[in-house]
Amino acid sequence: AVLSTLSLVAAVPVTVRDIFDPTISSPKAGDVWVVGQTVEVTWDTSNAPVDISNASSVWLRKGTSVLNGQTLLAQGFDLRSGSVSVVVPSLVPGDDYHIILFGDSGNVSPAFSI
């Protein structure tokens, strides 16, 4: 019984997934976003795999905690495009905002201001 179970396990193909861990190129440290402005979040696509299986999204974080109710800025775009436009939401001004790019991994931008 053990050998038949092992043979079933061995017959199941293993799917190899490429991990895409792009560096966020914009916003840069010290950038200033203005509420209501449309801005581009950009990232390096030079090592993007052909197939990216995970959903994409861009989130906004202030300091070390995720904002409630205003975190999601964009979703459902192609990570291989290298950019997505977002509208800067109305938030408390600060110089400790970060963009988090989710796809295969969560990459965090340097701190910038709103």
PDB file of N, CA and C in Angstrom:
ATOM      1  N   ALA A   1       0.828  -1.199   0.000  1.00  0.00           N
ATOM      2  CA  ALA A   1       0.000   0.000   0.000  1.00  0.00           C
ATOM      3  C   ALA A   1       0.873   1.264   0.000  1.00  0.00           C
ATOM      4  N   VAL A   2       2.002   1.204   0.739  1.00  0.00           N
ATOM      5  CA  VAL A   2       2.889   2.359   0.789  1.00  0.00           C
ATOM      6  C   VAL A   2       3.511   2.610  -0.583  1.00  0.00           C
ATOM      7  N   LEU A   3       3.926   1.532  -1.260  1.00  0.00           N
ATOM      8  CA  LEU A   3       4.534   1.700  -2.580  1.00  0.00           C
ATOM      9  C   LEU A   3       3.548   2.259  -3.589  1.00  0.00           C
ATOM     10  N   SER A   4       2.279   1.837  -3.533  1.00  0.00           N
ATOM     11  CA  SER A   4       1.297   2.367  -4.484  1.00  0.00           C
ATOM     12  C   SER A   4       1.019   3.840  -4.206  1.00  0.00           C
ATOM     13  N   THR A   5       1.027   4.246  -2.939  1.00  0.00           N
ATOM     14  CA  THR A   5       0.841   5.654  -2.588  1.00  0.00           C
ATOM     15  C   THR A   5       2.013   6.478  -3.092  1.00  0.00           C
ATOM     16  N   LEU A   6       3.235   5.963  -2.914  1.00  0.00           N
ATOM     17  CA  LEU A   6       4.415   6.669  -3.394  1.00  0.00           C
ATOM     18  C   LEU A   6       4.400   6.804  -4.911  1.00  0.00           C
ATOM     19  N   SER A   7       3.945   5.793  -5.606  1.00  0.00           N
ATOM     20  CA  SER A   7       3.917   5.879  -7.060  1.00  0.00           C
ATOM     21  C   SER A   7       2.887   6.905  -7.519  1.00  0.00           C
ATOM     22  N   LEU A   8       1.787   7.058  -6.803  1.00  0.00           N
ATOM     23  CA  LEU A   8       0.808   8.095  -7.141  1.00  0.00           C
ATOM     24  C   LEU A   8       1.391   9.485  -6.924  1.00  0.00           C
ATOM     25  N   VAL A   9       2.109   9.655  -5.833  1.00  0.00           N
ATOM     26  CA  VAL A   9       2.722  10.941  -5.546  1.00  0.00           C
ATOM     27  C   VAL A   9       3.765  11.272  -6.600  1.00  0.00           C
ATOM     28  N   ALA A  10       4.536  10.296  -6.988  1.00  0.00           N
ATOM     29  CA  ALA A  10       5.578  10.521  -7.973  1.00  0.00           C
ATOM     30  C   ALA A  10       4.992  10.844  -9.348  1.00  0.00           C
ATOM     31  N   ALA A  11       3.770  10.401  -9.626  1.00  0.00           N
ATOM     32  CA  ALA A  11       3.150  10.631 -10.925  1.00  0.00           C
ATOM     33  C   ALA A  11       2.570  12.039 -11.056  1.00  0.00           C
ATOM     34  N   VAL A  12       2.385  12.738  -9.964  1.00  0.00           N
ATOM     35  CA  VAL A  12       1.818  14.085 -10.022  1.00  0.00           C
ATOM     36  C   VAL A  12       2.908  15.060 -10.434  1.00  0.00           C
ATOM     37  N   PRO A  13       2.699  15.807 -11.535  1.00  0.00           N
ATOM     38  CA  PRO A  13       3.734  16.745 -11.977  1.00  0.00           C
ATOM     39  C   PRO A  13       3.879  17.912 -10.998  1.00  0.00           C
ATOM     40  N   VAL A  14       5.105  18.336 -10.835  1.00  0.00           N
ATOM     41  CA  VAL A  14       5.390  19.472  -9.968  1.00  0.00           C
ATOM     42  C   VAL A  14       5.465  20.717 -10.841  1.00  0.00           C
ATOM     43  N   THR A  15       4.723  21.740 -10.441  1.00  0.00           N
ATOM     44  CA  THR A  15       4.738  22.990 -11.187  1.00  0.00           C
ATOM     45  C   THR A  15       5.788  23.901 -10.583  1.00  0.00           C
ATOM     46  N   VAL A  16       6.711  24.357 -11.408  1.00  0.00           N
ATOM     47  CA  VAL A  16       7.742  25.269 -10.953  1.00  0.00           C
ATOM     48  C   VAL A  16       7.252  26.687 -11.216  1.00  0.00           C
ATOM     49  N   ARG A  17       7.288  27.503 -10.193  1.00  0.00           N
ATOM     50  CA  ARG A  17       6.855  28.885 -10.338  1.00  0.00           C
ATOM     51  C   ARG A  17       8.057  29.804 -10.296  1.00  0.00           C
ATOM     52  N   ASP A  18       8.051  30.745 -11.227  1.00  0.00           N
ATOM     53  CA  ASP A  18       9.083  31.772 -11.213  1.00  0.00           C
ATOM     54  C   ASP A  18       8.699  32.825 -10.182  1.00  0.00           C
ATOM     55  N   ILE A  19       9.653  33.269  -9.423  1.00  0.00           N
ATOM     56  CA  ILE A  19       9.424  34.349  -8.464  1.00  0.00           C
ATOM     57  C   ILE A  19       9.926  35.635  -9.086  1.00  0.00           C
ATOM     58  N   PHE A  20       9.035  36.615  -9.170  1.00  0.00           N
ATOM     59  CA  PHE A  20       9.375  37.915  -9.733  1.00  0.00           C
ATOM     60  C   PHE A  20       9.443  38.900  -8.583  1.00  0.00           C
ATOM     61  N   ASP A  21      10.633  39.418  -8.341  1.00  0.00           N
ATOM     62  CA  ASP A  21      10.896  40.288  -7.199  1.00  0.00           C
ATOM     63  C   ASP A  21      11.439  41.627  -7.724  1.00  0.00           C
ATOM     64  N   PRO A  22      10.581  42.429  -8.381  1.00  0.00           N
ATOM     65  CA  PRO A  22      11.082  43.648  -9.020  1.00  0.00           C
ATOM     66  C   PRO A  22      11.389  44.760  -8.029  1.00  0.00           C
ATOM     67  N   THR A  23      12.401  45.535  -8.350  1.00  0.00           N
ATOM     68  CA  THR A  23      12.748  46.712  -7.555  1.00  0.00           C
ATOM     69  C   THR A  23      11.825  47.855  -7.957  1.00  0.00           C
ATOM     70  N   ILE A  24      11.237  48.520  -6.976  1.00  0.00           N
ATOM     71  CA  ILE A  24      10.385  49.674  -7.250  1.00  0.00           C
ATOM     72  C   ILE A  24      11.293  50.856  -7.571  1.00  0.00           C
ATOM     73  N   SER A  25      11.072  51.472  -8.725  1.00  0.00           N
ATOM     74  CA  SER A  25      11.905  52.603  -9.131  1.00  0.00           C
ATOM     75  C   SER A  25      11.225  53.950  -8.901  1.00  0.00           C
ATOM     76  N   SER A  26       9.920  53.950  -8.740  1.00  0.00           N
ATOM     77  CA  SER A  26       9.195  55.177  -8.421  1.00  0.00           C
ATOM     78  C   SER A  26       7.950  54.819  -7.632  1.00  0.00           C
ATOM     79  N   PRO A  27       7.742  55.429  -6.496  1.00  0.00           N
ATOM     80  CA  PRO A  27       8.384  56.643  -5.996  1.00  0.00           C
ATOM     81  C   PRO A  27       9.786  56.373  -5.443  1.00  0.00           C
ATOM     82  N   LYS A  28      10.592  57.432  -5.488  1.00  0.00           N
ATOM     83  CA  LYS A  28      11.953  57.399  -4.940  1.00  0.00           C
ATOM     84  C   LYS A  28      11.953  58.059  -3.566  1.00  0.00           C
ATOM     85  N   ALA A  29      12.996  57.809  -2.811  1.00  0.00           N
ATOM     86  CA  ALA A  29      13.153  58.453  -1.506  1.00  0.00           C
ATOM     87  C   ALA A  29      13.106  59.965  -1.688  1.00  0.00           C
ATOM     88  N   GLY A  30      12.290  60.615  -0.881  1.00  0.00           N
ATOM     89  CA  GLY A  30      12.197  62.069  -0.927  1.00  0.00           C
ATOM     90  C   GLY A  30      11.172  62.619  -1.905  1.00  0.00           C
ATOM     91  N   ASP A  31      10.586  61.768  -2.766  1.00  0.00           N
ATOM     92  CA  ASP A  31       9.540  62.254  -3.671  1.00  0.00           C
ATOM     93  C   ASP A  31       8.374  62.812  -2.862  1.00  0.00           C
ATOM     94  N   VAL A  32       7.646  63.746  -3.471  1.00  0.00           N
ATOM     95  CA  VAL A  32       6.465  64.323  -2.835  1.00  0.00           C
ATOM     96  C   VAL A  32       5.277  64.124  -3.761  1.00  0.00           C
ATOM     97  N   TRP A  33       4.248  63.456  -3.255  1.00  0.00           N
ATOM     98  CA  TRP A  33       3.006  63.277  -3.985  1.00  0.00           C
ATOM     99  C   TRP A  33       1.987  64.283  -3.465  1.00  0.00           C
ATOM    100  N   VAL A  34       1.151  64.787  -4.368  1.00  0.00           N
ATOM    101  CA  VAL A  34       0.122  65.763  -4.018  1.00  0.00           C
ATOM    102  C   VAL A  34      -1.242  65.073  -4.080  1.00  0.00           C
ATOM    103  N   VAL A  35      -2.058  65.276  -3.052  1.00  0.00           N
ATOM    104  CA  VAL A  35      -3.390  64.679  -2.995  1.00  0.00           C
ATOM    105  C   VAL A  35      -4.169  65.036  -4.262  1.00  0.00           C
ATOM    106  N   GLY A  36      -4.805  64.027  -4.869  1.00  0.00           N
ATOM    107  CA  GLY A  36      -5.595  64.212  -6.081  1.00  0.00           C
ATOM    108  C   GLY A  36      -4.809  64.074  -7.372  1.00  0.00           C
ATOM    109  N   GLN A  37      -3.493  64.093  -7.276  1.00  0.00           N
ATOM    110  CA  GLN A  37      -2.614  63.983  -8.441  1.00  0.00           C
ATOM    111  C   GLN A  37      -2.569  62.529  -8.926  1.00  0.00           C
ATOM    112  N   THR A  38      -2.475  62.329 -10.243  1.00  0.00           N
ATOM    113  CA  THR A  38      -2.251  60.997 -10.796  1.00  0.00           C
ATOM    114  C   THR A  38      -0.745  60.819 -10.937  1.00  0.00           C
ATOM    115  N   VAL A  39      -0.231  59.741 -10.355  1.00  0.00           N
ATOM    116  CA  VAL A  39       1.204  59.468 -10.373  1.00  0.00           C
ATOM    117  C   VAL A  39       1.443  58.062 -10.911  1.00  0.00           C
ATOM    118  N   GLU A  40       2.653  57.834 -11.365  1.00  0.00           N
ATOM    119  CA  GLU A  40       3.047  56.514 -11.851  1.00  0.00           C
ATOM    120  C   GLU A  40       3.878  55.793 -10.796  1.00  0.00           C
ATOM    121  N   VAL A  41       3.469  54.584 -10.465  1.00  0.00           N
ATOM    122  CA  VAL A  41       4.304  53.690  -9.669  1.00  0.00           C
ATOM    123  C   VAL A  41       5.015  52.824 -10.701  1.00  0.00           C
ATOM    124  N   THR A  42       6.347  52.772 -10.636  1.00  0.00           N
ATOM    125  CA  THR A  42       7.108  52.018 -11.632  1.00  0.00           C
ATOM    126  C   THR A  42       8.051  51.027 -10.960  1.00  0.00           C
ATOM    127  N   TRP A  43       8.402  49.988 -11.699  1.00  0.00           N
ATOM    128  CA  TRP A  43       9.309  48.959 -11.191  1.00  0.00           C
ATOM    129  C   TRP A  43      10.079  48.347 -12.354  1.00  0.00           C
ATOM    130  N   ASP A  44      11.190  47.717 -12.025  1.00  0.00           N
ATOM    131  CA  ASP A  44      12.088  47.108 -13.005  1.00  0.00           C
ATOM    132  C   ASP A  44      11.496  45.785 -13.499  1.00  0.00           C
ATOM    133  N   THR A  45      11.395  45.641 -14.816  1.00  0.00           N
ATOM    134  CA  THR A  45      10.853  44.410 -15.397  1.00  0.00           C
ATOM    135  C   THR A  45      11.910  43.620 -16.173  1.00  0.00           C
ATOM    136  N   SER A  46      13.173  43.964 -16.004  1.00  0.00           N
ATOM    137  CA  SER A  46      14.226  43.325 -16.802  1.00  0.00           C
ATOM    138  C   SER A  46      14.345  41.822 -16.560  1.00  0.00           C
ATOM    139  N   ASN A  47      13.923  41.334 -15.410  1.00  0.00           N
ATOM    140  CA  ASN A  47      14.020  39.901 -15.120  1.00  0.00           C
ATOM    141  C   ASN A  47      12.649  39.256 -14.951  1.00  0.00           C
ATOM    142  N   ALA A  48      11.627  39.833 -15.565  1.00  0.00           N
ATOM    143  CA  ALA A  48      10.265  39.310 -15.407  1.00  0.00           C
ATOM    144  C   ALA A  48      10.121  37.962 -16.110  1.00  0.00           C
ATOM    145  N   PRO A  49       9.507  36.982 -15.433  1.00  0.00           N
ATOM    146  CA  PRO A  49       9.258  35.700 -16.085  1.00  0.00           C
ATOM    147  C   PRO A  49       8.130  35.842 -17.116  1.00  0.00           C
ATOM    148  N   VAL A  50       8.034  34.883 -18.012  1.00  0.00           N
ATOM    149  CA  VAL A  50       6.990  34.898 -19.031  1.00  0.00           C
ATOM    150  C   VAL A  50       5.614  34.770 -18.375  1.00  0.00           C
ATOM    151  N   ASP A  51       5.510  33.874 -17.405  1.00  0.00           N
ATOM    152  CA  ASP A  51       4.237  33.646 -16.727  1.00  0.00           C
ATOM    153  C   ASP A  51       4.319  34.117 -15.286  1.00  0.00           C
ATOM    154  N   ILE A  52       3.386  34.988 -14.920  1.00  0.00           N
ATOM    155  CA  ILE A  52       3.271  35.427 -13.527  1.00  0.00           C
ATOM    156  C   ILE A  52       1.887  35.004 -13.081  1.00  0.00           C
ATOM    157  N   SER A  53       1.825  34.149 -12.077  1.00  0.00           N
ATOM    158  CA  SER A  53       0.560  33.530 -11.717  1.00  0.00           C
ATOM    159  C   SER A  53      -0.240  34.295 -10.666  1.00  0.00           C
ATOM    160  N   ASN A  54       0.405  35.114  -9.889  1.00  0.00           N
ATOM    161  CA  ASN A  54      -0.308  35.777  -8.799  1.00  0.00           C
ATOM    162  C   ASN A  54      -0.936  37.091  -9.239  1.00  0.00           C
ATOM    163  N   ALA A  55      -2.000  37.454  -8.551  1.00  0.00           N
ATOM    164  CA  ALA A  55      -2.662  38.730  -8.822  1.00  0.00           C
ATOM    165  C   ALA A  55      -1.749  39.879  -8.406  1.00  0.00           C
ATOM    166  N   SER A  56      -1.905  41.000  -9.082  1.00  0.00           N
ATOM    167  CA  SER A  56      -1.060  42.153  -8.783  1.00  0.00           C
ATOM    168  C   SER A  56      -1.865  43.221  -8.053  1.00  0.00           C
ATOM    169  N   SER A  57      -1.170  43.965  -7.193  1.00  0.00           N
ATOM    170  CA  SER A  57      -1.806  45.081  -6.503  1.00  0.00           C
ATOM    171  C   SER A  57      -0.745  46.036  -5.967  1.00  0.00           C
ATOM    172  N   VAL A  58      -1.162  47.297  -5.804  1.00  0.00           N
ATOM    173  CA  VAL A  58      -0.312  48.325  -5.215  1.00  0.00           C
ATOM    174  C   VAL A  58      -1.037  48.846  -3.978  1.00  0.00           C
ATOM    175  N   TRP A  59      -0.328  48.862  -2.861  1.00  0.00           N
ATOM    176  CA  TRP A  59      -0.873  49.299  -1.581  1.00  0.00           C
ATOM    177  C   TRP A  59      -0.057  50.460  -1.052  1.00  0.00           C
ATOM    178  N   LEU A  60      -0.686  51.273  -0.233  1.00  0.00           N
ATOM    179  CA  LEU A  60      -0.019  52.399   0.400  1.00  0.00           C
ATOM    180  C   LEU A  60       0.103  52.137   1.888  1.00  0.00           C
ATOM    181  N   ARG A  61       1.284  52.376   2.417  1.00  0.00           N
ATOM    182  CA  ARG A  61       1.541  52.175   3.853  1.00  0.00           C
ATOM    183  C   ARG A  61       2.170  53.433   4.426  1.00  0.00           C
ATOM    184  N   LYS A  62       1.723  53.819   5.615  1.00  0.00           N
ATOM    185  CA  LYS A  62       2.338  54.941   6.342  1.00  0.00           C
ATOM    186  C   LYS A  62       3.109  54.358   7.504  1.00  0.00           C
ATOM    187  N   GLY A  63       4.388  54.688   7.577  1.00  0.00           N
ATOM    188  CA  GLY A  63       5.216  54.142   8.655  1.00  0.00           C
ATOM    189  C   GLY A  63       5.309  52.639   8.549  1.00  0.00           C
ATOM    190  N   THR A  64       5.061  51.970   9.658  1.00  0.00           N
ATOM    191  CA  THR A  64       5.181  50.511   9.676  1.00  0.00           C
ATOM    192  C   THR A  64       3.840  49.807   9.707  1.00  0.00           C
ATOM    193  N   SER A  65       2.723  50.564   9.658  1.00  0.00           N
ATOM    194  CA  SER A  65       1.409  49.921   9.701  1.00  0.00           C
ATOM    195  C   SER A  65       0.636  50.197   8.414  1.00  0.00           C
ATOM    196  N   VAL A  66      -0.165  49.223   8.007  1.00  0.00           N
ATOM    197  CA  VAL A  66      -0.986  49.381   6.819  1.00  0.00           C
ATOM    198  C   VAL A  66      -2.171  50.272   7.165  1.00  0.00           C
ATOM    199  N   LEU A  67      -2.455  51.249   6.307  1.00  0.00           N
ATOM    200  CA  LEU A  67      -3.586  52.150   6.525  1.00  0.00           C
ATOM    201  C   LEU A  67      -4.900  51.393   6.410  1.00  0.00           C
ATOM    202  N   ASN A  68      -5.889  51.804   7.161  1.00  0.00           N
ATOM    203  CA  ASN A  68      -7.213  51.173   7.086  1.00  0.00           C
ATOM    204  C   ASN A  68      -8.103  51.942   6.119  1.00  0.00           C
ATOM    205  N   GLY A  69      -8.727  51.237   5.180  1.00  0.00           N
ATOM    206  CA  GLY A  69      -9.700  51.827   4.287  1.00  0.00           C
ATOM    207  C   GLY A  69      -9.132  52.579   3.099  1.00  0.00           C
ATOM    208  N   GLN A  70      -7.878  52.929   3.088  1.00  0.00           N
ATOM    209  CA  GLN A  70      -7.307  53.671   1.962  1.00  0.00           C
ATOM    210  C   GLN A  70      -6.011  53.039   1.471  1.00  0.00           C
ATOM    211  N   THR A  71      -5.856  51.777   1.692  1.00  0.00           N
ATOM    212  CA  THR A  71      -4.585  51.136   1.371  1.00  0.00           C
ATOM    213  C   THR A  71      -4.455  50.711  -0.089  1.00  0.00           C
ATOM    214  N   LEU A  72      -5.503  50.180  -0.662  1.00  0.00           N
ATOM    215  CA  LEU A  72      -5.413  49.650  -2.018  1.00  0.00           C
ATOM    216  C   LEU A  72      -5.470  50.789  -3.020  1.00  0.00           C
ATOM    217  N   LEU A  73      -4.424  50.928  -3.840  1.00  0.00           N
ATOM    218  CA  LEU A  73      -4.385  51.978  -4.853  1.00  0.00           C
ATOM    219  C   LEU A  73      -4.668  51.443  -6.255  1.00  0.00           C
ATOM    220  N   ALA A  74      -4.292  50.194  -6.534  1.00  0.00           N
ATOM    221  CA  ALA A  74      -4.517  49.606  -7.861  1.00  0.00           C
ATOM    222  C   ALA A  74      -4.443  48.088  -7.736  1.00  0.00           C
ATOM    223  N   GLN A  75      -5.147  47.412  -8.634  1.00  0.00           N
ATOM    224  CA  GLN A  75      -5.079  45.950  -8.663  1.00  0.00           C
ATOM    225  C   GLN A  75      -5.431  45.436 -10.052  1.00  0.00           C
ATOM    226  N   GLY A  76      -5.022  44.190 -10.326  1.00  0.00           N
ATOM    227  CA  GLY A  76      -5.388  43.535 -11.557  1.00  0.00           C
ATOM    228  C   GLY A  76      -4.613  43.963 -12.804  1.00  0.00           C
ATOM    229  N   PHE A  77      -3.500  44.628 -12.648  1.00  0.00           N
ATOM    230  CA  PHE A  77      -2.690  45.049 -13.790  1.00  0.00           C
ATOM    231  C   PHE A  77      -1.626  43.993 -14.066  1.00  0.00           C
ATOM    232  N   ASP A  78      -1.002  44.069 -15.236  1.00  0.00           N
ATOM    233  CA  ASP A  78       0.044  43.127 -15.623  1.00  0.00           C
ATOM    234  C   ASP A  78       1.372  43.562 -15.008  1.00  0.00           C
ATOM    235  N   LEU A  79       1.950  42.758 -14.146  1.00  0.00           N
ATOM    236  CA  LEU A  79       3.218  43.096 -13.503  1.00  0.00           C
ATOM    237  C   LEU A  79       4.346  43.283 -14.511  1.00  0.00           C
ATOM    238  N   ARG A  80       4.221  42.652 -15.675  1.00  0.00           N
ATOM    239  CA  ARG A  80       5.263  42.795 -16.692  1.00  0.00           C
ATOM    240  C   ARG A  80       5.241  44.158 -17.370  1.00  0.00           C
ATOM    241  N   SER A  81       4.212  44.971 -17.132  1.00  0.00           N
ATOM    242  CA  SER A  81       4.119  46.295 -17.763  1.00  0.00           C
ATOM    243  C   SER A  81       5.121  47.282 -17.176  1.00  0.00           C
ATOM    244  N   GLY A  82       5.491  47.097 -15.911  1.00  0.00           N
ATOM    245  CA  GLY A  82       6.483  47.972 -15.294  1.00  0.00           C
ATOM    246  C   GLY A  82       5.934  49.246 -14.699  1.00  0.00           C
ATOM    247  N   SER A  83       4.622  49.466 -14.815  1.00  0.00           N
ATOM    248  CA  SER A  83       4.057  50.673 -14.221  1.00  0.00           C
ATOM    249  C   SER A  83       2.545  50.566 -14.099  1.00  0.00           C
ATOM    250  N   VAL A  84       2.019  51.396 -13.217  1.00  0.00           N
ATOM    251  CA  VAL A  84       0.577  51.547 -13.075  1.00  0.00           C
ATOM    252  C   VAL A  84       0.318  52.959 -12.560  1.00  0.00           C
ATOM    253  N   SER A  85      -0.724  53.595 -13.083  1.00  0.00           N
ATOM    254  CA  SER A  85      -1.106  54.938 -12.635  1.00  0.00           C
ATOM    255  C   SER A  85      -2.047  54.823 -11.448  1.00  0.00           C
ATOM    256  N   VAL A  86      -1.832  55.682 -10.459  1.00  0.00           N
ATOM    257  CA  VAL A  86      -2.701  55.719  -9.283  1.00  0.00           C
ATOM    258  C   VAL A  86      -3.016  57.175  -8.957  1.00  0.00           C
ATOM    259  N   VAL A  87      -4.151  57.383  -8.310  1.00  0.00           N
ATOM    260  CA  VAL A  87      -4.527  58.712  -7.840  1.00  0.00           C
ATOM    261  C   VAL A  87      -4.185  58.792  -6.359  1.00  0.00           C
ATOM    262  N   VAL A  88      -3.483  59.842  -5.969  1.00  0.00           N
ATOM    263  CA  VAL A  88      -3.061  60.013  -4.583  1.00  0.00           C
ATOM    264  C   VAL A  88      -4.299  60.331  -3.735  1.00  0.00           C
ATOM    265  N   PRO A  89      -4.602  59.468  -2.760  1.00  0.00           N
ATOM    266  CA  PRO A  89      -5.788  59.699  -1.931  1.00  0.00           C
ATOM    267  C   PRO A  89      -5.568  60.820  -0.916  1.00  0.00           C
ATOM    268  N   SER A  90      -6.660  61.311  -0.377  1.00  0.00           N
ATOM    269  CA  SER A  90      -6.592  62.344   0.652  1.00  0.00           C
ATOM    270  C   SER A  90      -6.189  61.697   1.971  1.00  0.00           C
ATOM    271  N   LEU A  91      -5.013  62.064   2.451  1.00  0.00           N
ATOM    272  CA  LEU A  91      -4.454  61.455   3.656  1.00  0.00           C
ATOM    273  C   LEU A  91      -3.816  62.516   4.537  1.00  0.00           C
ATOM    274  N   VAL A  92      -3.509  62.122   5.749  1.00  0.00           N
ATOM    275  CA  VAL A  92      -2.765  62.986   6.661  1.00  0.00           C
ATOM    276  C   VAL A  92      -1.369  63.184   6.069  1.00  0.00           C
ATOM    277  N   PRO A  93      -0.893  64.418   5.945  1.00  0.00           N
ATOM    278  CA  PRO A  93       0.453  64.633   5.396  1.00  0.00           C
ATOM    279  C   PRO A  93       1.515  63.906   6.226  1.00  0.00           C
ATOM    280  N   GLY A  94       2.548  63.459   5.539  1.00  0.00           N
ATOM    281  CA  GLY A  94       3.648  62.790   6.229  1.00  0.00           C
ATOM    282  C   GLY A  94       4.781  62.493   5.280  1.00  0.00           C
ATOM    283  N   ASP A  95       5.937  62.179   5.847  1.00  0.00           N
ATOM    284  CA  ASP A  95       7.107  61.867   5.035  1.00  0.00           C
ATOM    285  C   ASP A  95       7.542  60.420   5.204  1.00  0.00           C
ATOM    286  N   ASP A  96       6.605  59.587   5.653  1.00  0.00           N
ATOM    287  CA  ASP A  96       6.926  58.181   5.915  1.00  0.00           C
ATOM    288  C   ASP A  96       5.964  57.227   5.205  1.00  0.00           C
ATOM    289  N   TYR A  97       5.568  57.606   3.988  1.00  0.00           N
ATOM    290  CA  TYR A  97       4.712  56.728   3.192  1.00  0.00           C
ATOM    291  C   TYR A  97       5.574  55.798   2.345  1.00  0.00           C
ATOM    292  N   HIS A  98       5.025  54.599   2.076  1.00  0.00           N
ATOM    293  CA  HIS A  98       5.711  53.594   1.259  1.00  0.00           C
ATOM    294  C   HIS A  98       4.693  52.961   0.321  1.00  0.00           C
ATOM    295  N   ILE A  99       5.139  52.592  -0.857  1.00  0.00           N
ATOM    296  CA  ILE A  99       4.339  51.793  -1.776  1.00  0.00           C
ATOM    297  C   ILE A  99       4.755  50.342  -1.594  1.00  0.00           C
ATOM    298  N   ILE A 100       3.761  49.468  -1.577  1.00  0.00           N
ATOM    299  CA  ILE A 100       4.023  48.035  -1.526  1.00  0.00           C
ATOM    300  C   ILE A 100       3.461  47.439  -2.812  1.00  0.00           C
ATOM    301  N   LEU A 101       4.312  46.790  -3.585  1.00  0.00           N
ATOM    302  CA  LEU A 101       3.929  46.149  -4.830  1.00  0.00           C
ATOM    303  C   LEU A 101       3.796  44.658  -4.573  1.00  0.00           C
ATOM    304  N   PHE A 102       2.584  44.143  -4.743  1.00  0.00           N
ATOM    305  CA  PHE A 102       2.349  42.716  -4.548  1.00  0.00           C
ATOM    306  C   PHE A 102       2.154  42.027  -5.881  1.00  0.00           C
ATOM    307  N   GLY A 103       2.677  40.857  -5.979  1.00  0.00           N
ATOM    308  CA  GLY A 103       2.555  39.967  -7.122  1.00  0.00           C
ATOM    309  C   GLY A 103       3.053  38.636  -6.607  1.00  0.00           C
ATOM    310  N   ASP A 104       4.249  38.278  -6.988  1.00  0.00           N
ATOM    311  CA  ASP A 104       4.870  37.072  -6.451  1.00  0.00           C
ATOM    312  C   ASP A 104       5.480  37.329  -5.079  1.00  0.00           C
ATOM    313  N   SER A 105       5.767  38.570  -4.788  1.00  0.00           N
ATOM    314  CA  SER A 105       6.327  38.939  -3.474  1.00  0.00           C
ATOM    315  C   SER A 105       5.914  40.362  -3.176  1.00  0.00           C
ATOM    316  N   GLY A 106       6.119  40.811  -1.973  1.00  0.00           N
ATOM    317  CA  GLY A 106       5.764  42.176  -1.606  1.00  0.00           C
ATOM    318  C   GLY A 106       7.007  43.034  -1.535  1.00  0.00           C
ATOM    319  N   ASN A 107       7.147  43.946  -2.469  1.00  0.00           N
ATOM    320  CA  ASN A 107       8.310  44.831  -2.493  1.00  0.00           C
ATOM    321  C   ASN A 107       7.896  46.199  -1.966  1.00  0.00           C
ATOM    322  N   VAL A 108       8.765  46.821  -1.208  1.00  0.00           N
ATOM    323  CA  VAL A 108       8.457  48.090  -0.562  1.00  0.00           C
ATOM    324  C   VAL A 108       9.357  49.181  -1.115  1.00  0.00           C
ATOM    325  N   SER A 109       8.744  50.330  -1.419  1.00  0.00           N
ATOM    326  CA  SER A 109       9.514  51.476  -1.914  1.00  0.00           C
ATOM    327  C   SER A 109      10.214  52.180  -0.775  1.00  0.00           C
ATOM    328  N   PRO A 110      11.156  53.048  -1.109  1.00  0.00           N
ATOM    329  CA  PRO A 110      11.715  53.940  -0.087  1.00  0.00           C
ATOM    330  C   PRO A 110      10.615  54.887   0.408  1.00  0.00           C
ATOM    331  N   ALA A 111      10.852  55.532   1.542  1.00  0.00           N
ATOM    332  CA  ALA A 111       9.882  56.470   2.100  1.00  0.00           C
ATOM    333  C   ALA A 111       9.767  57.707   1.210  1.00  0.00           C
ATOM    334  N   PHE A 112       8.532  58.194   1.060  1.00  0.00           N
ATOM    335  CA  PHE A 112       8.266  59.426   0.327  1.00  0.00           C
ATOM    336  C   PHE A 112       7.180  60.198   1.054  1.00  0.00           C
ATOM    337  N   SER A 113       6.870  61.396   0.581  1.00  0.00           N
ATOM    338  CA  SER A 113       5.926  62.283   1.278  1.00  0.00           C
ATOM    339  C   SER A 113       4.617  62.439   0.501  1.00  0.00           C
ATOM    340  N   ILE A 114       3.565  62.674   1.279  1.00  0.00           N
ATOM    341  CA  ILE A 114       2.263  63.065   0.725  1.00  0.00           C
ATOM    342  C   ILE A 114       1.867  64.311   1.481  1.00  0.00           C
TER     343      ILE A 114
END
